């Protein structure tokens, strides 16, 4: 096999290019691995910062609880409720009640409307239909369900609506008359 100088040179370039491509590929994988480690380290840093913030908040809360407890002991003297202080039902609550003293204020009373004067038994005014102008209760039969509108009644209503919509607009000024002519 007879290799010429040009042939050897082209094979050498191919080998060099292959080695360079392999080194570039290895270098790319190494860079991506390091980037992945950096991202993982950043995530761990963020998680540790959040945990530190939570621990600081917990510490401050507990410190405030101790401070509040000290103030309570000195100033107010409040105590947590004990098991014997809870009431089991309404009867025990009623037993705790006392009669009103001679100078006690009268209990709060709730206002209410007297419905005996109303003839229909309702404190609200009757609703009026916008189409007929009559009270809706008067249009309702005794069963409480509304009867369907009759065809002639509906036709009259629609005719009135059509008459209103076909009227010509009223001229309001002399300038409008001049522009129409």
N, C-alpha and C. Protein backbone atom coordinates (compact mmCIF):
# COMPACT_ATOMS: atom_id res chain seq x y z
N UNK A 1 0.84 -1.15 0.00
CA UNK A 1 0.00 0.00 0.00
C UNK A 1 0.91 1.23 0.00
N UNK A 2 0.69 1.94 -0.94
CA UNK A 2 1.53 3.09 -1.16
C UNK A 2 0.76 4.34 -0.73
N UNK A 3 1.25 4.99 0.34
CA UNK A 3 0.59 6.20 0.82
C UNK A 3 1.38 7.40 0.36
N UNK A 4 0.68 8.30 -0.15
CA UNK A 4 1.34 9.52 -0.60
C UNK A 4 1.35 10.52 0.55
N UNK A 5 2.12 11.53 0.31
CA UNK A 5 2.27 12.55 1.33
C UNK A 5 0.93 13.27 1.60
N UNK A 6 0.17 13.56 0.60
CA UNK A 6 -1.13 14.23 0.77
C UNK A 6 -2.11 13.33 1.51
N UNK A 7 -2.04 12.06 1.22
CA UNK A 7 -2.95 11.10 1.88
C UNK A 7 -2.63 11.02 3.37
N UNK A 8 -1.37 10.97 3.73
CA UNK A 8 -0.95 10.90 5.13
C UNK A 8 -1.36 12.19 5.84
N UNK A 9 -1.16 13.30 5.14
CA UNK A 9 -1.53 14.59 5.75
C UNK A 9 -3.04 14.65 6.02
N UNK A 10 -3.89 14.20 5.12
CA UNK A 10 -5.34 14.24 5.33
C UNK A 10 -5.77 13.26 6.44
N UNK A 11 -5.10 12.10 6.52
CA UNK A 11 -5.42 11.17 7.62
C UNK A 11 -4.99 11.78 8.95
N UNK A 12 -3.87 12.46 8.98
CA UNK A 12 -3.41 13.14 10.20
C UNK A 12 -4.39 14.21 10.66
N UNK A 13 -4.88 15.00 9.70
CA UNK A 13 -5.87 16.02 10.06
C UNK A 13 -7.15 15.38 10.60
N UNK A 14 -7.57 14.30 10.02
CA UNK A 14 -8.78 13.61 10.50
C UNK A 14 -8.59 13.11 11.91
N UNK A 15 -7.41 12.55 12.20
CA UNK A 15 -7.13 12.06 13.56
C UNK A 15 -7.10 13.22 14.54
N UNK A 16 -6.45 14.31 14.14
CA UNK A 16 -6.39 15.49 15.02
C UNK A 16 -7.78 16.04 15.27
N UNK A 17 -8.60 16.14 14.24
CA UNK A 17 -9.98 16.63 14.40
C UNK A 17 -10.80 15.70 15.29
N UNK A 18 -10.61 14.41 15.14
CA UNK A 18 -11.32 13.45 15.98
C UNK A 18 -10.91 13.59 17.44
N UNK A 19 -9.62 13.74 17.69
CA UNK A 19 -9.13 13.92 19.06
C UNK A 19 -9.67 15.23 19.64
N UNK A 20 -9.65 16.30 18.83
CA UNK A 20 -10.20 17.59 19.30
C UNK A 20 -11.68 17.49 19.61
N UNK A 21 -12.43 16.81 18.76
CA UNK A 21 -13.87 16.63 19.01
C UNK A 21 -14.10 15.83 20.28
N UNK A 22 -13.29 14.78 20.49
CA UNK A 22 -13.43 13.97 21.70
C UNK A 22 -13.10 14.78 22.93
N UNK A 23 -12.02 15.59 22.86
CA UNK A 23 -11.66 16.44 24.00
C UNK A 23 -12.74 17.50 24.27
N UNK A 24 -13.31 18.07 23.21
CA UNK A 24 -14.39 19.05 23.37
C UNK A 24 -15.61 18.40 24.03
N UNK A 25 -15.92 17.18 23.60
CA UNK A 25 -17.05 16.46 24.18
C UNK A 25 -16.81 16.16 25.65
N UNK A 26 -15.60 15.72 26.00
CA UNK A 26 -15.26 15.44 27.40
C UNK A 26 -15.31 16.73 28.21
N UNK A 27 -14.77 17.80 27.66
CA UNK A 27 -14.78 19.09 28.35
C UNK A 27 -16.22 19.59 28.57
N UNK A 28 -17.09 19.42 27.57
CA UNK A 28 -18.50 19.83 27.70
C UNK A 28 -19.19 19.05 28.81
N UNK A 29 -18.97 17.73 28.86
CA UNK A 29 -19.56 16.92 29.92
C UNK A 29 -19.04 17.35 31.29
N UNK A 30 -17.78 17.68 31.38
CA UNK A 30 -17.19 18.10 32.65
C UNK A 30 -17.79 19.44 33.09
N UNK A 31 -17.92 20.37 32.15
CA UNK A 31 -18.52 21.68 32.47
C UNK A 31 -19.96 21.51 32.93
N UNK A 32 -20.73 20.67 32.24
CA UNK A 32 -22.13 20.45 32.63
C UNK A 32 -22.22 19.80 34.00
N UNK A 33 -21.28 18.90 34.32
CA UNK A 33 -21.29 18.26 35.64
C UNK A 33 -21.01 19.30 36.73
N UNK A 34 -20.05 20.19 36.46
CA UNK A 34 -19.73 21.23 37.45
C UNK A 34 -20.90 22.20 37.60
N UNK A 35 -21.56 22.56 36.48
CA UNK A 35 -22.75 23.44 36.55
C UNK A 35 -23.85 22.79 37.38
N UNK A 36 -24.03 21.49 37.21
CA UNK A 36 -25.04 20.77 37.98
C UNK A 36 -24.70 20.80 39.47
N UNK A 37 -23.42 20.63 39.80
CA UNK A 37 -23.00 20.69 41.20
C UNK A 37 -23.22 22.09 41.77
N UNK A 38 -22.95 23.13 40.96
CA UNK A 38 -23.15 24.51 41.42
C UNK A 38 -24.64 24.76 41.69
N UNK A 39 -25.49 24.31 40.77
CA UNK A 39 -26.94 24.48 40.97
C UNK A 39 -27.41 23.75 42.22
N UNK A 40 -26.91 22.54 42.44
CA UNK A 40 -27.27 21.78 43.64
C UNK A 40 -26.81 22.51 44.90
N UNK A 41 -25.59 23.07 44.86
CA UNK A 41 -25.09 23.82 46.01
C UNK A 41 -25.92 25.07 46.25
N UNK A 42 -26.35 25.77 45.17
CA UNK A 42 -27.20 26.96 45.33
C UNK A 42 -28.54 26.59 45.94
N UNK A 43 -29.12 25.47 45.50
CA UNK A 43 -30.39 25.03 46.09
C UNK A 43 -30.23 24.71 47.57
N UNK A 44 -29.11 24.07 47.92
CA UNK A 44 -28.87 23.77 49.32
C UNK A 44 -28.68 25.04 50.14
N UNK A 45 -28.02 26.04 49.56
CA UNK A 45 -27.84 27.32 50.24
C UNK A 45 -29.19 27.98 50.50
N UNK A 46 -30.05 27.99 49.48
CA UNK A 46 -31.39 28.59 49.63
C UNK A 46 -32.18 27.84 50.70
N UNK A 47 -32.12 26.51 50.68
CA UNK A 47 -32.85 25.71 51.68
C UNK A 47 -32.32 25.99 53.08
N UNK A 48 -31.00 26.11 53.22
CA UNK A 48 -30.43 26.40 54.53
C UNK A 48 -30.79 27.80 55.01
N UNK A 49 -30.85 28.76 54.08
CA UNK A 49 -31.26 30.13 54.46
C UNK A 49 -32.71 30.13 54.95
N UNK A 50 -33.58 29.38 54.25
CA UNK A 50 -34.98 29.31 54.68
C UNK A 50 -35.10 28.63 56.04
N UNK A 51 -34.31 27.56 56.25
CA UNK A 51 -34.34 26.88 57.54
C UNK A 51 -33.83 27.80 58.65
N UNK A 52 -32.77 28.57 58.35
CA UNK A 52 -32.22 29.52 59.33
C UNK A 52 -33.26 30.58 59.67
N UNK A 53 -33.98 31.09 58.66
CA UNK A 53 -35.02 32.09 58.90
C UNK A 53 -36.13 31.51 59.77
N UNK A 54 -36.52 30.26 59.49
CA UNK A 54 -37.56 29.62 60.29
C UNK A 54 -37.10 29.44 61.73
N UNK A 55 -35.85 29.04 61.92
CA UNK A 55 -35.33 28.86 63.28
C UNK A 55 -35.22 30.19 64.02
N UNK A 56 -34.81 31.25 63.31
CA UNK A 56 -34.76 32.57 63.94
C UNK A 56 -36.15 33.04 64.36
N UNK A 57 -37.12 32.80 63.50
CA UNK A 57 -38.50 33.18 63.83
C UNK A 57 -39.00 32.39 65.04
N UNK A 58 -38.70 31.11 65.07
CA UNK A 58 -39.09 30.27 66.21
C UNK A 58 -38.42 30.76 67.49
N UNK A 59 -37.13 31.10 67.40
CA UNK A 59 -36.42 31.59 68.58
C UNK A 59 -37.02 32.89 69.09
N UNK A 60 -37.31 33.83 68.16
CA UNK A 60 -37.90 35.11 68.56
C UNK A 60 -39.28 34.90 69.17
N UNK A 61 -40.05 33.97 68.60
CA UNK A 61 -41.38 33.70 69.13
C UNK A 61 -41.29 33.15 70.55
N UNK A 62 -40.40 32.21 70.75
CA UNK A 62 -40.25 31.65 72.10
C UNK A 62 -39.72 32.70 73.08
N UNK A 63 -38.83 33.58 72.62
CA UNK A 63 -38.34 34.64 73.49
C UNK A 63 -39.47 35.58 73.87
N UNK A 64 -40.34 35.89 72.89
CA UNK A 64 -41.49 36.75 73.19
C UNK A 64 -42.45 36.07 74.15
N UNK A 65 -42.60 34.75 74.02
CA UNK A 65 -43.48 34.03 74.95
C UNK A 65 -42.95 34.12 76.37
N UNK A 66 -41.64 33.97 76.52
CA UNK A 66 -41.05 34.08 77.86
C UNK A 66 -41.21 35.49 78.40
N UNK A 67 -41.03 36.48 77.54
CA UNK A 67 -41.19 37.86 77.97
C UNK A 67 -42.64 38.13 78.36
N UNK A 68 -43.59 37.65 77.55
CA UNK A 68 -45.01 37.84 77.87
C UNK A 68 -45.37 37.12 79.17
N UNK A 69 -44.80 35.95 79.37
CA UNK A 69 -45.08 35.21 80.60
C UNK A 69 -44.56 35.98 81.81
N UNK A 70 -43.38 36.57 81.69
CA UNK A 70 -42.82 37.35 82.79
C UNK A 70 -43.69 38.58 83.07
N UNK A 71 -44.13 39.26 82.03
CA UNK A 71 -45.01 40.42 82.21
C UNK A 71 -46.33 39.99 82.83
N UNK A 72 -46.87 38.86 82.39
CA UNK A 72 -48.13 38.37 82.94
C UNK A 72 -47.98 38.05 84.43
N UNK A 73 -46.87 37.42 84.79
CA UNK A 73 -46.66 37.08 86.20
C UNK A 73 -46.57 38.33 87.07
N UNK A 74 -45.91 39.38 86.54
CA UNK A 74 -45.71 40.59 87.33
C UNK A 74 -46.96 41.47 87.31
N UNK A 75 -47.54 41.71 86.12
CA UNK A 75 -48.59 42.70 85.97
C UNK A 75 -50.01 42.15 86.16
N UNK A 76 -50.34 41.07 85.46
CA UNK A 76 -51.72 40.65 85.37
C UNK A 76 -52.06 39.45 86.25
N UNK A 77 -51.22 38.47 86.28
CA UNK A 77 -51.48 37.27 87.08
C UNK A 77 -52.49 36.33 86.45
N UNK A 78 -52.62 36.35 85.13
CA UNK A 78 -53.54 35.42 84.46
C UNK A 78 -53.00 34.00 84.55
N UNK A 79 -53.90 33.04 84.57
CA UNK A 79 -53.52 31.63 84.58
C UNK A 79 -54.28 30.90 83.49
N UNK A 80 -53.70 29.82 83.03
CA UNK A 80 -54.38 29.00 82.02
C UNK A 80 -55.58 28.32 82.67
N UNK A 81 -56.67 28.10 81.91
CA UNK A 81 -57.84 27.43 82.50
C UNK A 81 -57.51 25.99 82.89
N UNK A 82 -58.14 25.57 83.95
CA UNK A 82 -57.95 24.20 84.43
C UNK A 82 -59.14 23.35 84.00
N UNK A 83 -59.00 22.04 84.12
CA UNK A 83 -60.05 21.13 83.65
C UNK A 83 -61.36 21.33 84.40
N UNK A 84 -61.30 21.71 85.66
CA UNK A 84 -62.53 21.90 86.44
C UNK A 84 -63.30 23.15 86.06
N UNK A 85 -62.71 24.03 85.25
CA UNK A 85 -63.38 25.27 84.88
C UNK A 85 -64.30 25.11 83.68
N UNK A 86 -64.22 24.03 82.96
CA UNK A 86 -65.05 23.86 81.78
C UNK A 86 -66.45 23.40 82.16
N UNK A 87 -67.44 23.86 81.43
CA UNK A 87 -68.84 23.53 81.69
C UNK A 87 -69.25 22.44 80.71
N UNK A 88 -69.99 21.45 81.22
CA UNK A 88 -70.37 20.31 80.38
C UNK A 88 -71.59 20.59 79.52
N UNK A 89 -72.46 21.44 79.95
CA UNK A 89 -73.67 21.66 79.17
C UNK A 89 -74.39 22.94 79.55
N UNK A 90 -75.59 23.12 78.98
CA UNK A 90 -76.37 24.32 79.21
C UNK A 90 -76.91 24.39 80.64
N UNK A 91 -77.20 23.24 81.21
CA UNK A 91 -77.74 23.24 82.58
C UNK A 91 -76.72 23.77 83.57
N UNK A 92 -75.46 23.37 83.44
CA UNK A 92 -74.44 23.90 84.33
C UNK A 92 -74.27 25.41 84.13
N UNK A 93 -74.41 25.86 82.90
CA UNK A 93 -74.33 27.29 82.63
C UNK A 93 -75.49 28.03 83.28
N UNK A 94 -76.70 27.43 83.25
CA UNK A 94 -77.87 28.06 83.85
C UNK A 94 -77.72 28.12 85.36
N UNK A 95 -77.07 27.14 85.97
CA UNK A 95 -76.88 27.14 87.42
C UNK A 95 -75.99 28.31 87.83
N UNK A 96 -75.05 28.69 86.96
CA UNK A 96 -74.15 29.79 87.28
C UNK A 96 -74.85 31.15 87.24
N UNK A 97 -75.99 31.24 86.60
CA UNK A 97 -76.71 32.50 86.48
C UNK A 97 -77.25 32.99 87.81
N UNK A 98 -77.32 34.30 87.94
CA UNK A 98 -77.84 34.91 89.17
C UNK A 98 -79.03 35.77 88.80
N UNK A 99 -79.89 36.02 89.78
CA UNK A 99 -81.01 36.92 89.55
C UNK A 99 -80.48 38.35 89.48
N UNK A 100 -81.21 39.17 88.75
CA UNK A 100 -80.79 40.56 88.61
C UNK A 100 -80.93 41.29 89.93
N UNK A 101 -79.96 42.13 90.18
CA UNK A 101 -80.00 42.93 91.40
C UNK A 101 -81.00 44.07 91.28
N UNK A 102 -81.25 44.78 92.35
CA UNK A 102 -82.25 45.85 92.33
C UNK A 102 -81.86 47.01 91.40
N UNK A 103 -80.61 47.33 91.24
CA UNK A 103 -80.18 48.45 90.41
C UNK A 103 -79.62 47.99 89.06
N UNK A 104 -79.84 46.75 88.70
CA UNK A 104 -79.30 46.21 87.45
C UNK A 104 -80.05 46.81 86.26
N UNK A 105 -79.36 47.05 85.16
CA UNK A 105 -80.05 47.59 83.97
C UNK A 105 -80.98 46.53 83.39
N UNK A 106 -81.99 47.00 82.68
CA UNK A 106 -82.94 46.07 82.07
C UNK A 106 -82.24 45.33 80.92
N UNK A 107 -82.67 44.12 80.63
CA UNK A 107 -82.02 43.36 79.55
C UNK A 107 -82.30 44.00 78.20
N UNK A 108 -81.43 43.72 77.26
CA UNK A 108 -81.57 44.27 75.91
C UNK A 108 -82.72 43.55 75.23
N UNK A 109 -83.60 44.33 74.62
CA UNK A 109 -84.75 43.76 73.94
C UNK A 109 -84.59 43.99 72.43
N UNK A 110 -85.10 43.07 71.66
CA UNK A 110 -85.00 43.16 70.21
C UNK A 110 -86.32 43.71 69.67
N UNK A 111 -86.25 44.68 68.78
CA UNK A 111 -87.44 45.26 68.19
C UNK A 111 -88.06 44.28 67.20
N UNK A 112 -89.39 44.32 67.12
CA UNK A 112 -90.07 43.48 66.13
C UNK A 112 -91.29 44.23 65.62
N UNK A 113 -91.70 43.91 64.42
CA UNK A 113 -92.85 44.57 63.79
C UNK A 113 -94.12 43.82 64.18
N UNK A 114 -95.19 44.58 64.38
CA UNK A 114 -96.48 43.98 64.69
C UNK A 114 -97.19 43.68 63.38
N UNK A 115 -97.38 42.43 63.04
CA UNK A 115 -97.97 42.04 61.77
C UNK A 115 -99.49 41.85 61.87
N UNK A 116 -100.05 42.09 63.02
CA UNK A 116 -101.49 41.89 63.18
C UNK A 116 -102.28 42.95 62.41
N UNK A 117 -101.73 44.14 62.21
CA UNK A 117 -102.44 45.22 61.52
C UNK A 117 -102.48 45.00 60.01
N UNK A 118 -101.57 44.26 59.47
CA UNK A 118 -101.51 44.03 58.02
C UNK A 118 -102.63 43.09 57.58
N UNK A 119 -103.29 43.43 56.48
CA UNK A 119 -104.37 42.58 56.00
C UNK A 119 -103.85 41.35 55.26
N UNK A 120 -102.69 41.48 54.57
CA UNK A 120 -102.16 40.33 53.84
C UNK A 120 -101.18 39.53 54.68
N UNK A 121 -100.73 40.06 55.80
CA UNK A 121 -99.78 39.35 56.65
C UNK A 121 -98.34 39.60 56.24
N UNK A 122 -98.08 40.60 55.39
CA UNK A 122 -96.72 40.88 54.96
C UNK A 122 -96.38 42.33 55.31
N UNK A 123 -95.17 42.55 55.81
CA UNK A 123 -94.75 43.89 56.16
C UNK A 123 -94.20 44.65 54.95
N UNK A 124 -94.00 43.96 53.82
CA UNK A 124 -93.45 44.59 52.63
C UNK A 124 -94.58 45.09 51.74
N UNK A 125 -94.36 46.19 51.01
CA UNK A 125 -95.40 46.68 50.09
C UNK A 125 -95.57 45.70 48.93
N UNK A 126 -96.74 45.76 48.34
CA UNK A 126 -97.05 44.85 47.23
C UNK A 126 -96.18 45.21 46.02
N UNK A 127 -95.73 44.19 45.31
CA UNK A 127 -94.94 44.41 44.10
C UNK A 127 -95.88 44.74 42.95
N UNK A 128 -95.47 45.69 42.10
CA UNK A 128 -96.29 46.15 41.00
C UNK A 128 -95.64 45.72 39.69
N UNK A 129 -96.42 45.16 38.80
CA UNK A 129 -95.91 44.73 37.51
C UNK A 129 -95.61 45.95 36.65
N UNK A 130 -94.46 46.02 36.00
CA UNK A 130 -94.15 47.19 35.17
C UNK A 130 -94.97 47.22 33.88
N UNK A 131 -95.49 46.07 33.44
CA UNK A 131 -96.26 46.04 32.20
C UNK A 131 -97.71 46.46 32.42
N UNK A 132 -98.35 45.87 33.43
CA UNK A 132 -99.77 46.14 33.62
C UNK A 132 -100.03 47.25 34.63
N UNK A 133 -99.11 47.51 35.55
CA UNK A 133 -99.32 48.52 36.56
C UNK A 133 -100.15 48.01 37.72
N UNK A 134 -100.50 46.75 37.71
CA UNK A 134 -101.30 46.17 38.80
C UNK A 134 -100.38 45.46 39.77
N UNK A 135 -100.89 45.26 40.99
CA UNK A 135 -100.13 44.52 41.99
C UNK A 135 -99.98 43.07 41.53
N UNK A 136 -98.81 42.51 41.71
CA UNK A 136 -98.56 41.15 41.26
C UNK A 136 -99.40 40.16 42.04
N UNK A 137 -99.61 40.43 43.33
CA UNK A 137 -100.43 39.53 44.14
C UNK A 137 -101.86 39.47 43.61
N UNK A 138 -102.34 40.59 43.03
CA UNK A 138 -103.69 40.60 42.47
C UNK A 138 -103.75 39.77 41.19
N UNK A 139 -102.66 39.71 40.43
CA UNK A 139 -102.63 38.92 39.20
C UNK A 139 -102.46 37.44 39.48
N UNK A 140 -101.94 37.09 40.64
CA UNK A 140 -101.70 35.69 40.97
C UNK A 140 -103.00 35.03 41.41
N UNK A 141 -103.24 33.81 40.97
CA UNK A 141 -104.39 33.08 41.48
C UNK A 141 -104.13 32.59 42.90
N UNK A 142 -105.12 32.02 43.53
CA UNK A 142 -105.03 31.60 44.91
C UNK A 142 -103.97 30.51 45.12
N UNK A 143 -103.69 29.69 44.12
CA UNK A 143 -102.72 28.60 44.25
C UNK A 143 -101.29 29.10 44.34
N UNK A 144 -101.03 30.35 43.97
CA UNK A 144 -99.69 30.89 44.07
C UNK A 144 -98.90 30.76 42.78
N UNK A 145 -99.41 30.07 41.77
CA UNK A 145 -98.70 29.97 40.50
C UNK A 145 -99.34 30.92 39.52
N UNK A 146 -98.55 31.50 38.69
CA UNK A 146 -99.05 32.50 37.75
C UNK A 146 -99.67 31.80 36.54
N UNK A 147 -100.79 32.33 36.10
CA UNK A 147 -101.42 31.78 34.90
C UNK A 147 -100.67 32.28 33.67
N UNK A 148 -100.62 31.49 32.62
CA UNK A 148 -99.92 31.96 31.41
C UNK A 148 -100.71 33.11 30.78
N UNK A 149 -99.99 34.03 30.15
CA UNK A 149 -100.64 35.17 29.53
C UNK A 149 -101.47 34.71 28.35
N UNK A 150 -102.65 35.32 28.22
CA UNK A 150 -103.51 34.98 27.09
C UNK A 150 -102.94 35.63 25.83
N UNK A 151 -103.26 35.05 24.70
CA UNK A 151 -102.70 35.52 23.43
C UNK A 151 -103.15 36.95 23.12
N UNK A 152 -104.42 37.28 23.38
CA UNK A 152 -104.91 38.62 23.06
C UNK A 152 -104.26 39.66 23.97
N UNK A 153 -104.06 39.32 25.23
CA UNK A 153 -103.41 40.24 26.16
C UNK A 153 -101.98 40.50 25.73
N UNK A 154 -101.28 39.46 25.31
CA UNK A 154 -99.90 39.60 24.85
C UNK A 154 -99.85 40.40 23.55
N UNK A 155 -100.82 40.16 22.67
CA UNK A 155 -100.85 40.88 21.40
C UNK A 155 -101.05 42.38 21.64
N UNK A 156 -101.92 42.73 22.59
CA UNK A 156 -102.14 44.15 22.90
C UNK A 156 -100.86 44.80 23.44
N UNK A 157 -100.18 44.10 24.30
CA UNK A 157 -98.94 44.65 24.87
C UNK A 157 -97.89 44.85 23.78
N UNK A 158 -97.75 43.86 22.90
CA UNK A 158 -96.77 43.98 21.83
C UNK A 158 -97.14 45.09 20.86
N UNK A 159 -98.43 45.28 20.60
CA UNK A 159 -98.88 46.35 19.71
C UNK A 159 -98.52 47.71 20.30
N UNK A 160 -98.69 47.86 21.61
CA UNK A 160 -98.32 49.13 22.24
C UNK A 160 -96.82 49.38 22.13
N UNK A 161 -96.03 48.32 22.28
CA UNK A 161 -94.58 48.47 22.18
C UNK A 161 -94.20 48.84 20.74
N UNK A 162 -94.85 48.22 19.74
CA UNK A 162 -94.54 48.52 18.34
C UNK A 162 -94.93 49.95 18.00
N UNK A 163 -96.07 50.43 18.51
CA UNK A 163 -96.48 51.80 18.25
C UNK A 163 -95.46 52.78 18.80
N UNK A 164 -94.94 52.51 19.97
CA UNK A 164 -93.96 53.41 20.56
C UNK A 164 -92.68 53.43 19.73
N UNK A 165 -92.28 52.28 19.20
CA UNK A 165 -91.01 52.23 18.46
C UNK A 165 -91.15 52.79 17.05
N UNK A 166 -92.37 52.89 16.45
CA UNK A 166 -92.52 53.38 15.09
C UNK A 166 -92.79 54.88 15.03
N UNK A 167 -92.91 55.53 16.16
CA UNK A 167 -93.12 56.97 16.16
C UNK A 167 -91.89 57.68 15.61
N UNK A 168 -92.14 58.80 14.92
CA UNK A 168 -91.05 59.58 14.36
C UNK A 168 -90.46 60.46 15.46
N UNK A 169 -89.17 60.74 15.38
CA UNK A 169 -88.57 61.60 16.40
C UNK A 169 -89.10 63.02 16.29
N UNK A 170 -89.17 63.68 17.40
CA UNK A 170 -89.68 65.04 17.46
C UNK A 170 -88.55 66.00 17.12
N UNK A 171 -88.88 66.98 16.26
CA UNK A 171 -87.87 67.98 15.89
C UNK A 171 -87.79 69.00 17.02
N UNK A 172 -86.55 69.32 17.39
CA UNK A 172 -86.38 70.19 18.56
C UNK A 172 -85.88 71.57 18.20
N UNK A 173 -85.28 71.76 17.03
CA UNK A 173 -84.74 73.09 16.73
C UNK A 173 -84.89 73.40 15.25
N UNK A 174 -84.69 74.65 14.91
CA UNK A 174 -84.81 75.09 13.53
C UNK A 174 -83.67 74.52 12.69
N UNK A 175 -82.52 74.35 13.29
CA UNK A 175 -81.37 73.83 12.56
C UNK A 175 -81.65 72.40 12.10
N UNK A 176 -82.34 71.56 12.92
CA UNK A 176 -82.69 70.21 12.52
C UNK A 176 -83.63 70.22 11.31
N UNK A 177 -84.58 71.16 11.26
CA UNK A 177 -85.51 71.24 10.14
C UNK A 177 -84.77 71.60 8.86
N UNK A 178 -83.80 72.48 8.95
CA UNK A 178 -83.05 72.90 7.77
C UNK A 178 -82.19 71.75 7.25
N UNK A 179 -81.65 70.96 8.15
CA UNK A 179 -80.80 69.87 7.68
C UNK A 179 -81.63 68.73 7.08
N UNK A 180 -82.89 68.58 7.47
CA UNK A 180 -83.74 67.53 6.94
C UNK A 180 -84.19 67.87 5.53
N UNK A 181 -84.48 69.13 5.24
CA UNK A 181 -84.98 69.55 3.95
C UNK A 181 -83.92 69.65 2.96
